[in-house]
Amino acid sequence: MDDEIGLVKVAADRNIAEVRRLLEKGTQRSPRDPIDSTPLLAAARQGHLRVVQLLLEHGASVLDQDRYHRTALCWASVGGHENAAEELLMRGADTSITDEKGQALLHLAVESRSPQMVTLLLTEEWPRLRRIMEVGPRCIWRLKEAFRR
């Protein structure tokens, strides 16, 4: 396995020492694996804050998307990983992104059943909340259903 593909794997595996070693070796910071993921997308999907921070410090882009049009913030939202999401937001992640199915971040957070993630995104999204409610009433229904269980 070459170092670029290896970086995606070790980021997903939460192996911060190996991520650091590969980055210091000069490995490309945003390589794509066969399923179009990057190290930052993989780390955010797993919710590993320290790996997310390390990759961002080495210039990984919060704007990168995978084949599903999901960013690292999308994957952190899906997983309910509030700490990783907060770091990505502080680094300029786009909250207006939708995935290939047209799902907004708030939809993904509701599906994760994470009240903290929903609160974080509502705080960030407050200026656009009216638009979300107009185009996504299904989201409000899902929010109510998710927290009834």
C-alpha atoms as a PDB file:
ATOM      1  CA  MET A   1       0.000   0.000   0.000  1.00  0.00           C
ATOM      2  CA  ASP A   2       1.434   3.368  -0.944  1.00  0.00           C
ATOM      3  CA  ASP A   3       1.728   6.181   1.583  1.00  0.00           C
ATOM      4  CA  GLU A   4      -1.160   8.220   0.151  1.00  0.00           C
ATOM      5  CA  ILE A   5      -3.700   5.395   0.453  1.00  0.00           C
ATOM      6  CA  GLY A   6      -2.074   4.418   3.756  1.00  0.00           C
ATOM      7  CA  LEU A   7      -2.714   7.889   5.142  1.00  0.00           C
ATOM      8  CA  VAL A   8      -6.463   7.488   4.563  1.00  0.00           C
ATOM      9  CA  LYS A   9      -6.401   4.099   6.298  1.00  0.00           C
ATOM     10  CA  VAL A  10      -4.402   5.185   9.351  1.00  0.00           C
ATOM     11  CA  ALA A  11      -6.570   8.307   9.726  1.00  0.00           C
ATOM     12  CA  ALA A  12      -9.665   6.075   9.734  1.00  0.00           C
ATOM     13  CA  ASP A  13      -7.951   3.734  12.209  1.00  0.00           C
ATOM     14  CA  ARG A  14      -7.219   6.665  14.565  1.00  0.00           C
ATOM     15  CA  ASN A  15      -3.488   5.992  14.442  1.00  0.00           C
ATOM     16  CA  ILE A  16      -2.280   9.508  15.180  1.00  0.00           C
ATOM     17  CA  ALA A  17       1.398   8.515  15.464  1.00  0.00           C
ATOM     18  CA  GLU A  18       1.366   7.007  11.963  1.00  0.00           C
ATOM     19  CA  VAL A  19      -0.631   9.952  10.565  1.00  0.00           C
ATOM     20  CA  ARG A  20       2.005  12.310  11.994  1.00  0.00           C
ATOM     21  CA  ARG A  21       4.855  10.193  10.602  1.00  0.00           C
ATOM     22  CA  LEU A  22       3.367  10.107   7.110  1.00  0.00           C
ATOM     23  CA  LEU A  23       2.645  13.845   7.096  1.00  0.00           C
ATOM     24  CA  GLU A  24       6.156  14.672   8.304  1.00  0.00           C
ATOM     25  CA  LYS A  25       7.513  12.377   5.593  1.00  0.00           C
ATOM     26  CA  GLY A  26       5.826  14.647   3.054  1.00  0.00           C
ATOM     27  CA  THR A  27       2.899  12.457   2.077  1.00  0.00           C
ATOM     28  CA  GLN A  28       0.211  14.354   0.177  1.00  0.00           C
ATOM     29  CA  ARG A  29      -2.241  15.673   2.810  1.00  0.00           C
ATOM     30  CA  SER A  30      -5.467  15.052   0.866  1.00  0.00           C
ATOM     31  CA  PRO A  31      -4.971  11.912  -1.212  1.00  0.00           C
ATOM     32  CA  ARG A  32      -8.003   9.989  -2.469  1.00  0.00           C
ATOM     33  CA  ASP A  33      -8.530   6.301  -1.783  1.00  0.00           C
ATOM     34  CA  PRO A  34     -10.441   3.993  -4.165  1.00  0.00           C
ATOM     35  CA  ILE A  35     -13.800   5.103  -2.711  1.00  0.00           C
ATOM     36  CA  ASP A  36     -12.851   8.801  -3.056  1.00  0.00           C
ATOM     37  CA  SER A  37     -12.297   9.428   0.638  1.00  0.00           C
ATOM     38  CA  THR A  38      -9.516  11.601   2.062  1.00  0.00           C
ATOM     39  CA  PRO A  39      -7.740  11.307   5.424  1.00  0.00           C
ATOM     40  CA  LEU A  40      -9.798  14.206   6.832  1.00  0.00           C
ATOM     41  CA  LEU A  41     -13.083  12.669   5.680  1.00  0.00           C
ATOM     42  CA  ALA A  42     -12.078   9.336   7.218  1.00  0.00           C
ATOM     43  CA  ALA A  43     -11.001  10.884  10.533  1.00  0.00           C
ATOM     44  CA  ALA A  44     -14.186  12.985  10.785  1.00  0.00           C
ATOM     45  CA  ARG A  45     -16.328   9.938  10.006  1.00  0.00           C
ATOM     46  CA  GLN A  46     -14.683   8.183  12.974  1.00  0.00           C
ATOM     47  CA  GLY A  47     -14.891  11.304  15.167  1.00  0.00           C
ATOM     48  CA  HIS A  48     -11.189  11.333  16.000  1.00  0.00           C
ATOM     49  CA  LEU A  49     -10.641  14.948  17.018  1.00  0.00           C
ATOM     50  CA  ARG A  50      -6.843  14.774  17.397  1.00  0.00           C
ATOM     51  CA  VAL A  51      -6.391  13.307  13.910  1.00  0.00           C
ATOM     52  CA  VAL A  52      -8.800  15.898  12.464  1.00  0.00           C
ATOM     53  CA  GLN A  53      -6.800  18.687  14.136  1.00  0.00           C
ATOM     54  CA  LEU A  54      -3.465  17.289  12.948  1.00  0.00           C
ATOM     55  CA  LEU A  55      -4.649  16.986   9.349  1.00  0.00           C
ATOM     56  CA  LEU A  56      -6.052  20.519   9.405  1.00  0.00           C
ATOM     57  CA  GLU A  57      -2.787  21.852  10.847  1.00  0.00           C
ATOM     58  CA  HIS A  58      -1.023  20.259   7.878  1.00  0.00           C
ATOM     59  CA  GLY A  59      -3.321  21.946   5.371  1.00  0.00           C
ATOM     60  CA  ALA A  60      -6.116  19.458   4.728  1.00  0.00           C
ATOM     61  CA  SER A  61      -9.139  21.206   3.229  1.00  0.00           C
ATOM     62  CA  VAL A  62     -12.498  21.327   5.017  1.00  0.00           C
ATOM     63  CA  LEU A  63     -14.071  21.771   1.576  1.00  0.00           C
ATOM     64  CA  ASP A  64     -13.063  18.375   0.138  1.00  0.00           C
ATOM     65  CA  GLN A  65     -16.010  16.148  -0.799  1.00  0.00           C
ATOM     66  CA  ASP A  66     -16.274  12.445  -1.493  1.00  0.00           C
ATOM     67  CA  ARG A  67     -18.302  10.667  -4.176  1.00  0.00           C
ATOM     68  CA  TYR A  68     -21.464  11.244  -2.101  1.00  0.00           C
ATOM     69  CA  HIS A  69     -20.779  15.012  -2.055  1.00  0.00           C
ATOM     70  CA  ARG A  70     -20.190  14.804   1.698  1.00  0.00           C
ATOM     71  CA  THR A  71     -17.566  16.879   3.460  1.00  0.00           C
ATOM     72  CA  ALA A  72     -15.787  16.103   6.723  1.00  0.00           C
ATOM     73  CA  LEU A  73     -18.476  18.148   8.506  1.00  0.00           C
ATOM     74  CA  CYS A  74     -21.171  15.993   6.894  1.00  0.00           C
ATOM     75  CA  TRP A  75     -19.489  12.818   8.125  1.00  0.00           C
ATOM     76  CA  ALA A  76     -18.988  14.227  11.624  1.00  0.00           C
ATOM     77  CA  SER A  77     -22.701  15.118  11.640  1.00  0.00           C
ATOM     78  CA  VAL A  78     -23.717  11.634  10.488  1.00  0.00           C
ATOM     79  CA  GLY A  79     -21.675  10.116  13.311  1.00  0.00           C
ATOM     80  CA  GLY A  80     -22.836  12.593  15.940  1.00  0.00           C
ATOM     81  CA  HIS A  81     -19.219  13.631  16.564  1.00  0.00           C
ATOM     82  CA  GLU A  82     -19.748  17.103  18.018  1.00  0.00           C
ATOM     83  CA  ASN A  83     -16.109  17.804  18.925  1.00  0.00           C
ATOM     84  CA  ALA A  84     -14.865  17.039  15.427  1.00  0.00           C
ATOM     85  CA  ALA A  85     -17.737  19.058  13.926  1.00  0.00           C
ATOM     86  CA  GLU A  86     -16.980  22.030  16.146  1.00  0.00           C
ATOM     87  CA  GLU A  87     -13.313  21.963  15.090  1.00  0.00           C
ATOM     88  CA  LEU A  88     -14.304  21.819  11.427  1.00  0.00           C
ATOM     89  CA  LEU A  89     -16.712  24.725  11.890  1.00  0.00           C
ATOM     90  CA  MET A  90     -13.987  26.797  13.558  1.00  0.00           C
ATOM     91  CA  ARG A  91     -11.788  26.076  10.528  1.00  0.00           C
ATOM     92  CA  GLY A  92     -14.378  27.354   8.056  1.00  0.00           C
ATOM     93  CA  ALA A  93     -16.414  24.300   7.093  1.00  0.00           C
ATOM     94  CA  ASP A  94     -19.394  25.111   4.890  1.00  0.00           C
ATOM     95  CA  THR A  95     -22.707  24.599   6.693  1.00  0.00           C
ATOM     96  CA  SER A  96     -24.815  25.073   3.579  1.00  0.00           C
ATOM     97  CA  ILE A  97     -23.594  21.893   1.880  1.00  0.00           C
ATOM     98  CA  THR A  98     -25.995  19.123   0.901  1.00  0.00           C
ATOM     99  CA  ASP A  99     -25.067  15.577  -0.038  1.00  0.00           C
ATOM    100  CA  GLU A 100     -25.985  13.747  -3.261  1.00  0.00           C
ATOM    101  CA  LYS A 101     -29.447  12.973  -1.845  1.00  0.00           C
ATOM    102  CA  GLY A 102     -30.034  16.648  -1.094  1.00  0.00           C
ATOM    103  CA  GLN A 103     -29.753  16.114   2.669  1.00  0.00           C
ATOM    104  CA  ALA A 104     -28.653  19.189   4.593  1.00  0.00           C
ATOM    105  CA  LEU A 105     -26.348  18.953   7.599  1.00  0.00           C
ATOM    106  CA  LEU A 106     -29.276  19.360   9.955  1.00  0.00           C
ATOM    107  CA  HIS A 107     -30.984  16.338   8.374  1.00  0.00           C
ATOM    108  CA  LEU A 108     -27.831  14.285   8.915  1.00  0.00           C
ATOM    109  CA  ALA A 109     -27.575  15.432  12.533  1.00  0.00           C
ATOM    110  CA  VAL A 110     -31.204  14.553  13.224  1.00  0.00           C
ATOM    111  CA  GLU A 111     -30.644  11.091  11.786  1.00  0.00           C
ATOM    112  CA  SER A 112     -27.619  10.668  14.081  1.00  0.00           C
ATOM    113  CA  ARG A 113     -29.968  11.205  17.061  1.00  0.00           C
ATOM    114  CA  SER A 114     -27.412  13.462  18.692  1.00  0.00           C
ATOM    115  CA  PRO A 115     -29.071  16.394  20.497  1.00  0.00           C
ATOM    116  CA  GLN A 116     -25.661  18.063  20.904  1.00  0.00           C
ATOM    117  CA  MET A 117     -24.986  17.889  17.165  1.00  0.00           C
ATOM    118  CA  VAL A 118     -28.446  19.246  16.357  1.00  0.00           C
ATOM    119  CA  THR A 119     -27.918  22.106  18.819  1.00  0.00           C
ATOM    120  CA  LEU A 120     -24.464  22.877  17.398  1.00  0.00           C
ATOM    121  CA  LEU A 121     -25.768  23.022  13.844  1.00  0.00           C
ATOM    122  CA  LEU A 122     -28.877  25.002  14.766  1.00  0.00           C
ATOM    123  CA  THR A 123     -26.636  27.570  16.435  1.00  0.00           C
ATOM    124  CA  GLU A 124     -24.482  27.792  13.304  1.00  0.00           C
ATOM    125  CA  GLU A 125     -27.454  27.683  10.953  1.00  0.00           C
ATOM    126  CA  TRP A 126     -29.755  30.139  12.721  1.00  0.00           C
ATOM    127  CA  PRO A 127     -29.600  32.714   9.877  1.00  0.00           C
ATOM    128  CA  ARG A 128     -30.697  30.030   7.400  1.00  0.00           C
ATOM    129  CA  LEU A 129     -33.169  28.252   9.666  1.00  0.00           C
ATOM    130  CA  ARG A 130     -36.203  29.712   7.914  1.00  0.00           C
ATOM    131  CA  ARG A 131     -34.991  28.460   4.557  1.00  0.00           C
ATOM    132  CA  ILE A 132     -34.351  24.991   5.965  1.00  0.00           C
ATOM    133  CA  MET A 133     -37.833  24.861   7.446  1.00  0.00           C
ATOM    134  CA  GLU A 134     -39.362  25.971   4.140  1.00  0.00           C
ATOM    135  CA  VAL A 135     -37.550  23.390   2.017  1.00  0.00           C
ATOM    136  CA  GLY A 136     -37.214  20.633   4.572  1.00  0.00           C
ATOM    137  CA  PRO A 137     -40.289  20.157   6.769  1.00  0.00           C
ATOM    138  CA  ARG A 138     -39.416  16.459   6.771  1.00  0.00           C
ATOM    139  CA  CYS A 139     -36.393  17.403   8.914  1.00  0.00           C
ATOM    140  CA  ILE A 140     -38.584  18.836  11.676  1.00  0.00           C
ATOM    141  CA  TRP A 141     -40.732  15.683  11.629  1.00  0.00           C
ATOM    142  CA  ARG A 142     -37.594  13.492  11.827  1.00  0.00           C
ATOM    143  CA  LEU A 143     -36.292  15.562  14.723  1.00  0.00           C
ATOM    144  CA  LYS A 144     -39.486  15.015  16.689  1.00  0.00           C
ATOM    145  CA  GLU A 145     -39.566  11.283  15.852  1.00  0.00           C
ATOM    146  CA  ALA A 146     -35.874  10.703  16.627  1.00  0.00           C
ATOM    147  CA  PHE A 147     -36.089  12.144  20.121  1.00  0.00           C
ATOM    148  CA  ARG A 148     -39.326  10.387  21.002  1.00  0.00           C
ATOM    149  CA  ARG A 149     -37.516   7.054  21.036  1.00  0.00           C
END
